[in-house]
Amino acid sequence: MFLDLQTIPKELVPLCDFKKKSFIPQQEALRQQIETATNLGNNYRTKVQIVFCDDIGLKMVHTTVWAALDSHIILKGGIQIPIKRIVEIIF
């Protein structure tokens, strides 16, 4: 179903739809990856690659994670990605 990975700039993330219910297989270590990405973003201004799935398909964005809530991560400018749609975070 999702064969192509499309790299997008963080400014296009708000245009992604997350309305459909979707089951995305997630790694057990995803929460730890999110914590590490948030630490890297806040303390070292280090960008990471976030692989996520919107209603259309698989996307990747190279950006800084500023915060993590229970259900979303927050990027610069208040841009949010639902955690349940994150496939992987690459350092």
N, C-alpha and C. Protein backbone atom coordinates (compact mmCIF):
# COMPACT_ATOMS: atom_id res chain seq x y z
N MET A 1 0.83 -1.19 0.00
CA MET A 1 0.00 0.00 0.00
C MET A 1 0.87 1.25 0.00
N PHE A 2 1.74 1.43 0.99
CA PHE A 2 2.60 2.60 1.08
C PHE A 2 4.01 2.21 0.65
N LEU A 3 4.31 2.34 -0.62
CA LEU A 3 5.61 1.91 -1.11
C LEU A 3 6.58 3.06 -1.27
N ASP A 4 6.09 4.22 -1.56
CA ASP A 4 6.95 5.37 -1.81
C ASP A 4 7.04 6.26 -0.58
N LEU A 5 8.26 6.67 -0.28
CA LEU A 5 8.50 7.59 0.83
C LEU A 5 8.76 8.96 0.23
N GLN A 6 7.90 9.90 0.55
CA GLN A 6 8.02 11.25 0.01
C GLN A 6 8.64 12.16 1.07
N THR A 7 9.76 12.79 0.74
CA THR A 7 10.38 13.75 1.65
C THR A 7 9.75 15.11 1.42
N ILE A 8 9.31 15.73 2.52
CA ILE A 8 8.65 17.03 2.43
C ILE A 8 9.30 18.01 3.40
N PRO A 9 9.23 19.31 3.12
CA PRO A 9 9.70 20.31 4.09
C PRO A 9 8.71 20.41 5.25
N LYS A 10 9.20 20.81 6.41
CA LYS A 10 8.32 20.87 7.58
C LYS A 10 7.14 21.82 7.38
N GLU A 11 7.31 22.81 6.51
CA GLU A 11 6.23 23.78 6.26
C GLU A 11 5.02 23.13 5.59
N LEU A 12 5.21 21.96 4.98
CA LEU A 12 4.08 21.27 4.34
C LEU A 12 3.38 20.28 5.26
N VAL A 13 3.94 20.02 6.43
CA VAL A 13 3.30 19.08 7.37
C VAL A 13 1.88 19.51 7.73
N PRO A 14 1.62 20.82 7.97
CA PRO A 14 0.23 21.21 8.29
C PRO A 14 -0.78 20.89 7.18
N LEU A 15 -0.31 20.69 5.96
CA LEU A 15 -1.20 20.35 4.86
C LEU A 15 -1.52 18.85 4.82
N CYS A 16 -0.83 18.06 5.61
CA CYS A 16 -1.08 16.62 5.66
C CYS A 16 -2.36 16.35 6.46
N ASP A 17 -3.16 15.41 5.97
CA ASP A 17 -4.39 15.04 6.67
C ASP A 17 -4.15 13.80 7.51
N PHE A 18 -4.72 13.81 8.72
CA PHE A 18 -4.64 12.67 9.63
C PHE A 18 -6.04 12.32 10.10
N LYS A 19 -7.02 12.41 9.20
CA LYS A 19 -8.42 12.23 9.58
C LYS A 19 -8.85 10.77 9.59
N LYS A 20 -8.33 9.98 8.66
CA LYS A 20 -8.71 8.57 8.58
C LYS A 20 -8.11 7.79 9.75
N LYS A 21 -8.87 6.81 10.23
CA LYS A 21 -8.30 5.92 11.24
C LYS A 21 -7.32 5.02 10.54
N SER A 22 -6.16 4.86 11.15
CA SER A 22 -5.12 4.07 10.51
C SER A 22 -4.30 3.37 11.58
N PHE A 23 -3.93 2.14 11.30
CA PHE A 23 -3.04 1.41 12.19
C PHE A 23 -1.65 1.41 11.58
N ILE A 24 -0.73 2.06 12.24
CA ILE A 24 0.65 2.15 11.79
C ILE A 24 1.50 1.31 12.74
N PRO A 25 2.16 0.28 12.21
CA PRO A 25 3.05 -0.50 13.10
C PRO A 25 4.16 0.39 13.64
N GLN A 26 4.33 0.35 14.95
CA GLN A 26 5.36 1.20 15.56
C GLN A 26 6.35 0.34 16.33
N GLN A 27 7.58 0.83 16.35
CA GLN A 27 8.63 0.15 17.10
C GLN A 27 8.36 0.33 18.60
N GLU A 28 8.75 -0.67 19.37
CA GLU A 28 8.59 -0.56 20.82
C GLU A 28 9.39 0.60 21.39
N ALA A 29 10.48 0.93 20.73
CA ALA A 29 11.37 1.98 21.22
C ALA A 29 10.95 3.38 20.76
N LEU A 30 9.77 3.53 20.16
CA LEU A 30 9.37 4.83 19.61
C LEU A 30 9.33 5.93 20.68
N ARG A 31 8.78 5.63 21.83
CA ARG A 31 8.71 6.65 22.89
C ARG A 31 10.11 7.12 23.29
N GLN A 32 11.04 6.19 23.35
CA GLN A 32 12.43 6.56 23.68
C GLN A 32 13.02 7.40 22.55
N GLN A 33 12.71 7.05 21.30
CA GLN A 33 13.19 7.84 20.16
C GLN A 33 12.65 9.26 20.24
N ILE A 34 11.38 9.39 20.62
CA ILE A 34 10.77 10.72 20.74
C ILE A 34 11.46 11.54 21.84
N GLU A 35 11.71 10.90 22.98
CA GLU A 35 12.41 11.60 24.07
C GLU A 35 13.80 12.05 23.64
N THR A 36 14.52 11.17 22.96
CA THR A 36 15.86 11.50 22.49
C THR A 36 15.81 12.63 21.47
N ALA A 37 14.86 12.57 20.53
CA ALA A 37 14.72 13.62 19.52
C ALA A 37 14.39 14.96 20.16
N THR A 38 13.54 14.96 21.17
CA THR A 38 13.19 16.19 21.88
C THR A 38 14.40 16.76 22.61
N ASN A 39 15.16 15.89 23.26
CA ASN A 39 16.37 16.31 23.95
C ASN A 39 17.38 16.90 22.96
N LEU A 40 17.57 16.23 21.82
CA LEU A 40 18.49 16.74 20.80
C LEU A 40 18.03 18.09 20.26
N GLY A 41 16.73 18.25 20.07
CA GLY A 41 16.19 19.50 19.55
C GLY A 41 16.32 20.65 20.52
N ASN A 42 16.01 20.41 21.78
CA ASN A 42 16.04 21.48 22.77
C ASN A 42 17.44 21.83 23.25
N ASN A 43 18.28 20.84 23.42
CA ASN A 43 19.60 21.09 23.99
C ASN A 43 20.70 21.33 22.96
N TYR A 44 20.54 20.76 21.77
CA TYR A 44 21.61 20.84 20.78
C TYR A 44 21.16 21.38 19.43
N ARG A 45 19.87 21.70 19.31
CA ARG A 45 19.30 22.20 18.05
C ARG A 45 19.58 21.24 16.88
N THR A 46 19.59 19.95 17.20
CA THR A 46 19.87 18.92 16.21
C THR A 46 18.59 18.46 15.53
N LYS A 47 18.64 18.38 14.22
CA LYS A 47 17.49 17.90 13.45
C LYS A 47 17.52 16.38 13.34
N VAL A 48 16.33 15.81 13.21
CA VAL A 48 16.18 14.37 13.01
C VAL A 48 15.26 14.15 11.81
N GLN A 49 15.22 12.94 11.32
CA GLN A 49 14.29 12.59 10.25
C GLN A 49 13.12 11.84 10.87
N ILE A 50 11.93 12.33 10.60
CA ILE A 50 10.72 11.71 11.13
C ILE A 50 9.98 11.07 9.96
N VAL A 51 9.78 9.77 10.05
CA VAL A 51 9.01 9.04 9.05
C VAL A 51 7.62 8.86 9.62
N PHE A 52 6.61 9.33 8.88
CA PHE A 52 5.24 9.24 9.36
C PHE A 52 4.31 8.94 8.20
N CYS A 53 3.08 8.60 8.52
CA CYS A 53 2.10 8.25 7.49
C CYS A 53 0.88 9.15 7.65
N ASP A 54 0.59 9.92 6.61
CA ASP A 54 -0.65 10.70 6.63
C ASP A 54 -1.72 9.88 5.89
N ASP A 55 -2.85 10.49 5.56
CA ASP A 55 -3.94 9.76 4.90
C ASP A 55 -3.61 9.34 3.48
N ILE A 56 -2.56 9.93 2.90
CA ILE A 56 -2.19 9.62 1.52
C ILE A 56 -1.08 8.58 1.44
N GLY A 57 -0.09 8.68 2.33
CA GLY A 57 1.02 7.75 2.27
C GLY A 57 2.15 8.11 3.20
N LEU A 58 3.28 7.49 2.98
CA LEU A 58 4.45 7.63 3.82
C LEU A 58 5.21 8.91 3.49
N LYS A 59 5.56 9.66 4.52
CA LYS A 59 6.27 10.93 4.36
C LYS A 59 7.48 10.93 5.29
N MET A 60 8.46 11.77 4.95
CA MET A 60 9.61 11.99 5.83
C MET A 60 9.90 13.48 5.86
N VAL A 61 10.20 13.97 7.06
CA VAL A 61 10.54 15.37 7.23
C VAL A 61 11.82 15.45 8.07
N HIS A 62 12.72 16.35 7.70
CA HIS A 62 13.97 16.56 8.41
C HIS A 62 13.82 17.85 9.20
N THR A 63 13.72 17.74 10.51
CA THR A 63 13.39 18.91 11.32
C THR A 63 13.81 18.71 12.77
N THR A 64 13.55 19.72 13.58
CA THR A 64 13.84 19.68 15.01
C THR A 64 12.55 19.42 15.78
N VAL A 65 12.60 18.52 16.73
CA VAL A 65 11.45 18.25 17.61
C VAL A 65 11.60 19.13 18.84
N TRP A 66 10.59 19.97 19.09
CA TRP A 66 10.66 20.90 20.23
C TRP A 66 9.99 20.36 21.47
N ALA A 67 8.92 19.56 21.29
CA ALA A 67 8.19 19.05 22.45
C ALA A 67 7.45 17.79 22.08
N ALA A 68 7.11 17.03 23.12
CA ALA A 68 6.32 15.82 22.93
C ALA A 68 5.21 15.79 23.96
N LEU A 69 3.99 15.66 23.48
CA LEU A 69 2.82 15.52 24.34
C LEU A 69 2.40 14.05 24.33
N ASP A 70 1.30 13.74 24.98
CA ASP A 70 0.83 12.35 24.98
C ASP A 70 0.46 11.86 23.59
N SER A 71 -0.11 12.75 22.78
CA SER A 71 -0.62 12.30 21.49
C SER A 71 0.07 12.90 20.27
N HIS A 72 0.89 13.94 20.46
CA HIS A 72 1.53 14.63 19.34
C HIS A 72 2.97 14.99 19.67
N ILE A 73 3.78 15.16 18.62
CA ILE A 73 5.06 15.84 18.78
C ILE A 73 4.89 17.22 18.17
N ILE A 74 5.64 18.17 18.68
CA ILE A 74 5.54 19.54 18.21
C ILE A 74 6.87 19.96 17.60
N LEU A 75 6.78 20.47 16.39
CA LEU A 75 7.95 20.95 15.66
C LEU A 75 7.97 22.47 15.76
N LYS A 76 9.01 23.10 15.23
CA LYS A 76 9.11 24.55 15.21
C LYS A 76 7.86 25.15 14.57
N GLY A 77 7.39 26.25 15.13
CA GLY A 77 6.22 26.93 14.59
C GLY A 77 4.91 26.31 15.05
N GLY A 78 4.98 25.39 16.03
CA GLY A 78 3.76 24.77 16.54
C GLY A 78 3.20 23.69 15.64
N ILE A 79 3.95 23.26 14.65
CA ILE A 79 3.50 22.21 13.73
C ILE A 79 3.45 20.89 14.50
N GLN A 80 2.36 20.14 14.33
CA GLN A 80 2.17 18.91 15.09
C GLN A 80 2.06 17.69 14.18
N ILE A 81 2.58 16.57 14.68
CA ILE A 81 2.41 15.27 14.03
C ILE A 81 1.88 14.32 15.09
N PRO A 82 0.77 13.63 14.81
CA PRO A 82 0.25 12.66 15.78
C PRO A 82 1.25 11.51 15.99
N ILE A 83 1.49 11.15 17.24
CA ILE A 83 2.43 10.07 17.53
C ILE A 83 1.94 8.75 16.94
N LYS A 84 0.64 8.53 16.92
CA LYS A 84 0.13 7.27 16.39
C LYS A 84 0.40 7.12 14.89
N ARG A 85 0.82 8.21 14.22
CA ARG A 85 1.15 8.16 12.78
C ARG A 85 2.65 8.12 12.52
N ILE A 86 3.46 8.15 13.57
CA ILE A 86 4.91 8.11 13.39
C ILE A 86 5.37 6.67 13.24
N VAL A 87 6.15 6.42 12.21
CA VAL A 87 6.70 5.09 11.95
C VAL A 87 8.06 4.94 12.62
N GLU A 88 8.89 5.99 12.48
CA GLU A 88 10.26 5.89 12.97
C GLU A 88 10.87 7.29 13.06
N ILE A 89 11.83 7.44 13.96
CA ILE A 89 12.64 8.65 14.03
C ILE A 89 14.08 8.22 13.81
N ILE A 90 14.72 8.88 12.85
CA ILE A 90 16.09 8.53 12.47
C ILE A 90 17.02 9.65 12.92
N PHE A 91 18.08 9.29 13.62
CA PHE A 91 19.04 10.27 14.15
C PHE A 91 20.22 10.39 13.22
